[in-house]
Protein backbone atom coordinates (compact mmCIF):
# COMPACT_ATOMS: atom_id res chain seq x y z
CA MET A 1 -4.21 35.64 -51.81
CA ALA A 2 -0.47 35.93 -52.67
CA PHE A 3 2.63 33.95 -51.70
CA PRO A 4 6.04 32.86 -53.12
CA ASP A 5 8.31 31.34 -55.51
CA PHE A 6 5.99 28.72 -55.48
CA ASP A 7 5.09 26.16 -57.82
CA ASN A 8 4.99 28.53 -60.57
CA SER A 9 7.39 27.53 -63.54
CA PRO A 10 10.46 29.45 -63.98
CA ALA A 11 9.17 30.72 -67.43
CA GLU A 12 6.10 32.69 -65.41
CA ARG A 13 8.47 33.40 -62.65
CA PRO A 14 9.04 37.60 -62.64
CA PRO A 15 12.15 38.01 -64.64
CA ASP A 16 15.30 39.96 -63.36
CA ASP A 17 15.39 42.81 -65.72
CA PRO A 18 18.40 44.69 -65.75
CA GLU A 19 17.16 47.23 -67.36
CA HIS A 20 14.24 48.11 -65.71
CA SER A 21 14.11 49.62 -61.71
CA PRO A 22 11.80 47.93 -59.70
CA HIS A 23 8.25 49.58 -58.69
CA ASN A 24 8.82 51.59 -55.46
CA ALA A 25 7.52 50.34 -52.27
CA ALA A 26 4.12 52.46 -52.48
CA GLU A 27 3.37 51.54 -56.27
CA ARG A 28 3.80 48.01 -55.42
CA SER A 29 1.53 48.02 -52.41
CA GLY A 30 -0.97 49.96 -54.11
CA ALA A 31 -1.32 47.44 -57.25
CA ALA A 32 -1.13 44.59 -54.91
CA THR A 33 -3.90 46.18 -52.95
CA ARG A 34 -6.00 46.95 -55.56
CA SER A 35 -5.71 43.61 -57.11
CA THR A 36 -6.19 41.17 -54.48
CA TRP A 37 -9.63 43.27 -53.66
CA VAL A 38 -10.49 42.05 -56.69
CA SER A 39 -9.63 38.42 -55.99
CA VAL A 40 -12.04 38.90 -52.72
CA GLY A 41 -14.79 40.27 -55.03
CA VAL A 42 -14.55 37.35 -57.02
CA ASN A 43 -14.26 34.74 -54.58
CA LEU A 44 -16.73 35.99 -51.94
CA ALA A 45 -19.25 35.69 -54.80
CA LEU A 46 -18.22 32.57 -55.95
CA SER A 47 -18.24 30.64 -52.58
CA ALA A 48 -21.52 32.18 -51.98
CA ALA A 49 -23.26 30.83 -55.22
CA GLN A 50 -21.01 27.57 -55.01
CA LEU A 51 -21.99 26.53 -51.53
CA VAL A 52 -25.88 27.40 -51.47
CA VAL A 53 -26.56 25.85 -54.80
CA GLY A 54 -24.28 22.92 -53.89
CA VAL A 55 -25.98 22.29 -51.11
CA LEU A 56 -29.46 22.74 -52.89
CA ALA A 57 -28.49 20.44 -55.98
CA ALA A 58 -26.64 17.75 -53.98
CA SER A 59 -23.22 18.37 -55.26
CA GLN A 60 -20.57 17.83 -53.10
CA ALA A 61 -17.92 18.53 -55.75
CA LEU A 62 -19.57 22.04 -55.84
CA VAL A 63 -19.48 22.31 -52.15
CA SER A 64 -15.96 21.20 -52.26
CA ASP A 65 -14.80 23.91 -54.53
CA GLY A 66 -17.35 26.31 -52.40
CA ILE A 67 -15.21 25.62 -49.62
CA HIS A 68 -12.17 26.04 -51.66
CA SER A 69 -12.80 29.36 -52.92
CA LEU A 70 -13.80 30.30 -49.23
CA SER A 71 -10.11 29.54 -48.19
CA ASP A 72 -9.11 31.65 -51.02
CA LEU A 73 -10.88 34.25 -49.39
CA VAL A 74 -9.59 34.23 -46.13
CA ALA A 75 -5.93 33.90 -48.05
CA ASP A 76 -6.64 37.03 -49.67
CA PHE A 77 -7.30 38.75 -46.34
CA VAL A 78 -3.81 37.52 -45.17
CA VAL A 79 -2.50 39.14 -48.19
CA LEU A 80 -3.56 42.13 -47.38
CA PHE A 81 -2.37 41.97 -43.95
CA ALA A 82 1.14 41.17 -45.19
CA SER A 83 1.06 43.81 -47.71
CA HIS A 84 0.05 46.32 -45.02
CA HIS A 85 2.97 45.50 -42.67
CA SER A 86 5.76 44.85 -45.60
CA LYS A 87 5.84 47.90 -46.71
CA LYS A 88 7.00 49.51 -43.49
CA ASP A 89 10.53 51.22 -43.40
CA ALA A 90 13.52 49.66 -41.37
CA ASP A 91 13.64 50.12 -37.71
CA LEU A 92 15.96 48.82 -35.14
CA ASP A 93 14.85 45.85 -34.80
CA HIS A 94 14.26 44.67 -38.10
CA PRO A 95 17.07 46.78 -40.18
CA TYR A 96 16.49 45.36 -43.26
CA GLY A 97 12.84 46.07 -43.44
CA HIS A 98 9.59 44.25 -43.22
CA GLN A 99 9.37 42.71 -46.18
CA ARG A 100 9.57 38.84 -44.79
CA PHE A 101 5.83 39.55 -43.77
CA GLU A 102 5.07 38.25 -47.47
CA THR A 103 6.85 35.52 -46.46
CA ALA A 104 5.30 34.47 -43.52
CA ALA A 105 1.89 35.30 -45.01
CA SER A 106 2.76 32.48 -47.63
CA LEU A 107 3.66 29.83 -45.18
CA VAL A 108 0.15 30.41 -43.05
CA LEU A 109 -1.53 30.34 -46.36
CA GLY A 110 0.03 26.85 -47.27
CA LEU A 111 -0.71 25.66 -43.98
CA LEU A 112 -4.73 27.00 -44.44
CA LEU A 113 -4.62 25.32 -48.06
CA LEU A 114 -3.30 21.98 -46.46
CA ALA A 115 -5.73 21.47 -43.70
CA VAL A 116 -8.71 22.49 -46.07
CA GLY A 117 -7.44 20.15 -48.57
CA LEU A 118 -7.04 17.15 -46.23
CA GLY A 119 -10.35 18.25 -44.94
CA MET A 120 -11.94 17.81 -48.13
CA LEU A 121 -10.22 14.36 -48.89
CA TRP A 122 -11.60 13.24 -45.66
CA SER A 123 -14.92 14.18 -46.35
CA ALA A 124 -15.16 13.09 -50.05
CA ALA A 125 -13.81 9.54 -48.70
CA LYS A 126 -16.45 9.36 -46.57
CA LYS A 127 -19.07 9.80 -48.89
CA LEU A 128 -17.55 7.02 -51.04
CA GLU A 129 -17.71 4.58 -48.12
CA SER A 130 -21.26 4.59 -48.57
CA PRO A 131 -22.06 5.03 -52.03
CA GLU A 132 -26.03 4.52 -51.45
CA THR A 133 -26.12 7.85 -50.07
CA ILE A 134 -25.09 9.86 -53.25
CA GLN A 135 -27.84 11.67 -54.54
CA THR A 136 -28.51 12.78 -58.59
CA VAL A 137 -27.23 15.96 -58.65
CA HIS A 138 -29.30 19.04 -60.24
CA ILE A 139 -28.23 20.66 -63.51
CA ALA A 140 -27.92 23.94 -61.71
CA ALA A 141 -24.80 22.71 -60.31
CA LEU A 142 -23.69 22.30 -63.52
CA TRP A 143 -24.03 25.80 -64.96
CA VAL A 144 -22.31 27.01 -61.38
CA ALA A 145 -19.09 25.23 -61.99
CA GLY A 146 -18.59 26.42 -65.41
CA PHE A 147 -19.22 29.92 -64.27
CA ALA A 148 -16.61 29.83 -61.92
CA LEU A 149 -14.18 28.16 -64.13
CA LEU A 150 -14.79 30.89 -66.27
CA ALA A 151 -14.40 33.58 -63.53
CA LYS A 152 -11.31 31.97 -62.17
CA GLU A 153 -9.36 31.84 -65.50
CA LEU A 154 -10.23 35.19 -66.06
CA LEU A 155 -8.93 36.08 -62.27
CA PHE A 156 -5.57 34.26 -62.92
CA ARG A 157 -4.91 36.10 -66.09
CA TYR A 158 -5.38 39.50 -64.25
CA MET A 159 -3.72 38.93 -61.50
CA LEU A 160 -0.65 37.03 -63.19
CA ARG A 161 -0.07 40.27 -65.57
CA VAL A 162 0.30 42.51 -62.32
CA ALA A 163 2.24 40.61 -60.48
CA LYS A 164 4.82 40.12 -63.63
CA ARG A 165 4.72 44.18 -63.94
CA LEU A 166 5.50 44.37 -60.26
CA LYS A 167 7.96 41.36 -60.10
CA SER A 168 6.10 40.28 -57.24
CA SER A 169 6.89 36.57 -56.32
CA LEU A 170 3.72 36.59 -53.91
CA LEU A 171 1.29 38.10 -56.08
CA VAL A 172 2.78 35.33 -58.83
CA ALA A 173 1.57 32.70 -56.29
CA ASN A 174 -1.68 34.05 -55.92
CA ALA A 175 -2.03 34.36 -59.29
CA TRP A 176 -1.49 30.32 -59.93
CA HIS A 177 -3.83 29.61 -56.84
CA ALA A 178 -6.30 31.06 -59.04
CA ARG A 179 -4.95 29.02 -61.83
CA SER A 180 -5.48 25.97 -59.89
CA ASP A 181 -8.85 26.88 -58.62
CA ALA A 182 -9.93 27.08 -62.61
CA ALA A 183 -8.25 23.62 -62.87
CA SER A 184 -10.69 22.63 -59.69
CA SER A 185 -13.71 23.70 -61.02
CA LEU A 186 -12.96 21.60 -64.61
CA VAL A 187 -12.28 18.72 -62.36
CA VAL A 188 -15.91 19.92 -60.56
CA GLY A 189 -17.55 19.96 -63.75
CA LEU A 190 -16.47 16.81 -65.31
CA GLY A 191 -17.90 14.97 -62.36
CA ILE A 192 -21.16 16.63 -61.79
CA ILE A 193 -21.68 15.60 -65.77
CA GLY A 194 -20.67 12.30 -64.95
CA ASN A 195 -23.26 12.01 -62.01
CA LEU A 196 -25.84 13.41 -64.24
CA MET A 197 -25.11 10.82 -66.97
CA GLY A 198 -25.77 8.16 -64.56
CA TYR A 199 -22.30 7.81 -62.38
CA PRO A 200 -23.26 9.32 -59.16
CA MET A 201 -20.12 8.25 -57.86
CA LEU A 202 -18.23 10.64 -59.91
CA ASP A 203 -19.20 13.59 -58.32
CA PRO A 204 -17.52 12.75 -54.61
CA VAL A 205 -14.79 11.31 -56.90
CA ALA A 206 -14.31 15.04 -58.21
CA ALA A 207 -14.29 16.19 -54.79
CA LEU A 208 -11.49 13.62 -53.73
CA ILE A 209 -9.58 15.11 -56.53
CA VAL A 210 -10.17 19.02 -55.69
CA GLY A 211 -9.55 18.21 -52.36
CA PHE A 212 -5.53 16.62 -52.90
CA MET A 213 -5.13 19.18 -55.37
CA VAL A 214 -6.11 21.73 -52.81
CA ALA A 215 -3.77 20.09 -49.96
CA ARG A 216 -0.78 19.82 -52.67
CA MET A 217 -0.82 22.97 -53.29
CA GLY A 218 -0.27 24.02 -49.39
CA TRP A 219 2.36 21.78 -48.79
CA GLY A 220 4.17 23.49 -51.80
CA PHE A 221 3.49 26.97 -50.51
CA GLY A 222 4.33 26.10 -47.14
CA TRP A 223 7.55 24.14 -47.88
CA ASN A 224 8.73 26.89 -50.34
CA ALA A 225 7.95 29.72 -47.87
CA LEU A 226 9.91 27.62 -44.88
CA HIS A 227 12.94 27.33 -47.26
CA ASP A 228 12.59 31.44 -47.74
CA LEU A 229 12.48 31.97 -44.30
CA MET A 230 15.44 29.58 -43.95
CA ASP A 231 17.61 32.48 -46.12
CA ARG A 232 17.45 30.33 -49.23
CA ALA A 233 19.43 31.52 -52.36
CA VAL A 234 18.12 33.08 -55.71
CA ASP A 235 18.16 30.72 -58.69
CA GLU A 236 21.57 30.56 -60.23
CA GLN A 237 20.51 32.55 -63.41
CA GLU A 238 19.62 35.29 -61.27
CA VAL A 239 23.19 34.94 -59.10
CA GLN A 240 25.07 35.44 -62.48
CA ALA A 241 22.84 38.49 -63.46
CA ILE A 242 24.00 40.06 -60.44
CA ARG A 243 27.57 38.95 -60.63
CA GLN A 244 27.82 40.20 -64.14
CA THR A 245 26.67 43.57 -63.10
CA LEU A 246 29.50 43.81 -60.60
CA THR A 247 32.35 42.50 -63.05
CA GLN A 248 31.30 45.41 -65.38
CA THR A 249 31.70 48.27 -63.08
CA PRO A 250 34.75 50.32 -63.56
CA GLY A 251 37.62 49.14 -61.56
CA VAL A 252 36.28 46.05 -60.42
CA SER A 253 39.12 43.52 -61.68
CA GLY A 254 37.13 40.29 -60.42
CA VAL A 255 34.08 38.94 -58.32
CA HIS A 256 34.07 35.96 -56.22
CA ASP A 257 31.92 34.62 -53.38
CA VAL A 258 28.53 36.15 -54.53
CA ARG A 259 25.81 34.93 -51.74
CA THR A 260 22.34 35.65 -51.89
CA ARG A 261 19.21 35.53 -49.69
CA LYS A 262 15.60 36.31 -49.96
CA MET A 263 13.93 39.20 -48.14
CA GLY A 264 10.37 38.53 -49.27
CA ASP A 265 10.16 39.72 -52.77
CA MET A 266 13.70 41.13 -52.52
CA ILE A 267 17.14 39.93 -52.38
CA VAL A 268 20.35 40.50 -50.10
CA VAL A 269 23.55 40.36 -51.56
CA ASP A 270 26.86 39.60 -49.94
CA ALA A 271 29.94 39.60 -52.53
CA HIS A 272 34.07 40.00 -52.89
CA ILE A 273 35.05 42.14 -55.36
CA GLU A 274 38.90 42.40 -56.64
CA VAL A 275 40.73 45.98 -57.44
CA ASP A 276 43.58 46.94 -58.28
CA ALA A 277 46.03 46.26 -54.91
CA THR A 278 47.93 49.79 -55.30
CA ILE A 279 44.94 52.16 -55.21
CA SER A 280 44.38 53.99 -51.84
CA VAL A 281 41.93 52.87 -49.41
CA GLU A 282 39.12 55.79 -50.75
CA ALA A 283 39.58 54.33 -54.17
CA GLY A 284 38.41 50.68 -53.32
CA HIS A 285 35.59 51.83 -51.37
CA ASP A 286 34.34 54.24 -53.78
CA ILE A 287 34.68 51.49 -56.41
CA ALA A 288 32.74 49.10 -53.79
CA VAL A 289 29.86 51.76 -53.43
CA GLU A 290 29.50 52.21 -57.17
CA ALA A 291 29.35 48.79 -57.53
CA GLY A 292 26.42 47.90 -55.28
CA GLN A 293 24.44 50.91 -56.36
CA ARG A 294 24.60 49.21 -59.83
CA VAL A 295 23.15 46.09 -58.53
CA MET A 296 20.50 48.05 -56.25
CA GLN A 297 19.08 50.02 -59.55
CA ARG A 298 19.48 46.85 -61.68
CA HIS A 299 18.28 44.37 -59.77
CA ARG A 300 15.40 43.17 -57.36
CA VAL A 301 18.25 43.64 -54.18
CA LEU A 302 17.68 45.57 -51.26
CA ASN A 303 21.20 45.92 -50.15
CA VAL A 304 24.63 44.84 -51.38
CA MET A 305 27.33 44.19 -48.77
CA THR A 306 30.88 44.28 -50.42
CA HIS A 307 34.06 42.94 -49.45
CA VAL A 308 37.19 44.35 -51.31
CA ASP A 309 39.94 42.18 -51.79
CA PRO A 310 43.46 42.58 -53.73
CA TRP A 311 43.10 41.67 -57.37
CA HIS A 312 45.87 39.10 -58.07
CA ARG A 313 47.32 38.99 -54.52
CA PRO A 314 46.98 36.41 -51.64
CA ASP A 315 45.05 37.94 -49.04
CA ARG A 316 44.18 36.69 -45.54
CA ASP A 317 40.36 35.13 -46.62
CA HIS A 318 41.49 33.14 -49.46
CA THR A 319 44.31 30.67 -50.83
CA VAL A 320 45.30 31.11 -54.08
CA ASP A 321 45.58 27.51 -55.89
CA SER A 322 48.05 26.04 -58.74
CA LEU A 323 45.67 27.51 -61.43
CA GLY A 324 45.61 30.72 -59.54
CA HIS A 325 41.93 30.25 -58.62
CA PHE A 326 40.57 31.81 -55.37
CA SER A 327 39.42 29.55 -52.56
CA THR A 328 38.28 29.55 -49.00
C-alpha cells in the first residue's frame, strides 16, 4: 500500500537533493509496482496464516493482526490502482497531470484503516466485557506472531529503501505502515505470551492496542492526504532550497513571494523574480525560463510559474517600506 507525507519523521522523508534529477515517470511507476507486489505477496501469506491459526489457537490478538494484514492487502491494490492512473500524461481536464491520484489513494487508505481500527477496538472491548469467555491460547499462535514480526520488519526496510530512492511520499507512507505492522505483531506476541503465562486478558488487551494503532494511523494518513488535496505547501526547508536555486540563476537579483503546493509527490511553484529594470522584455523572459528550468532539474518540481519584477523599482504588485523591503 502507499500514501503521503504522513507520520514519517522528517529524517526519513525522501530528501530534496538539488544535485540529483528525479527518476522519470516510467522508472518511478515500475519500481513502485514491483515493491507493492512484494507487499501483496507478504500480506497475502501473513493474513491467511494469522487468521487461520488465530481462530484455531483461540487468539483474538492474532486474528486482529490478521485483519490488519488483510487491510494492508486491500491497501496494496489501492496503491497499484493509484500508481497506474497517476502516471497518465496531462490532458485538457488535468493540465498538471494526474499525480494527485496518489494523494486520493492515501485518503482512501486512511479511511479504510480508520474503519478497520475502530472495528477491532469494538471487538476487543466486547471481549473484555466478558472475561470468562477468554480462552487459553495455543503456543502455535506465538510462533506465527514471531514470524509475522520478522516478515513485516524486513518488508519495511525493503520498501523504505525503494521509497527513498524514488523520493515517493506514497511509498514512504506504505513503508512506515509496514513498520507499524511489525510493532502490532510485537504487541500481539507479548499478549500471547501473557495469556500463556496465566493472564488470559492480555490477549484481548493486545488486540485492543493493535486496533488503536491501526485507527490512529488511518486518521493520520487521511488527515494529511486531505491537507495535501487542499494545496498544502511543502515544508520550509524545501521552499528555501527552491528559493536558493532561483536566486543563484544568472540575471536574478532577488526572489520573493515563493509559493508551493503539492501535486502528488511533485511540487508546483509560483515565484516572483527580480531582474534589472533596464533590460528588455525578451531578456527578462529568458532569465525567467532559465530559473524555472533550473528548479525543475534540481528539485521534484512539476511546474514553475515565474512573475518578473523590476529590481529595486516600485511595481504595481508591491509597495516598498522604509527599509526597502517588498510587501504585498
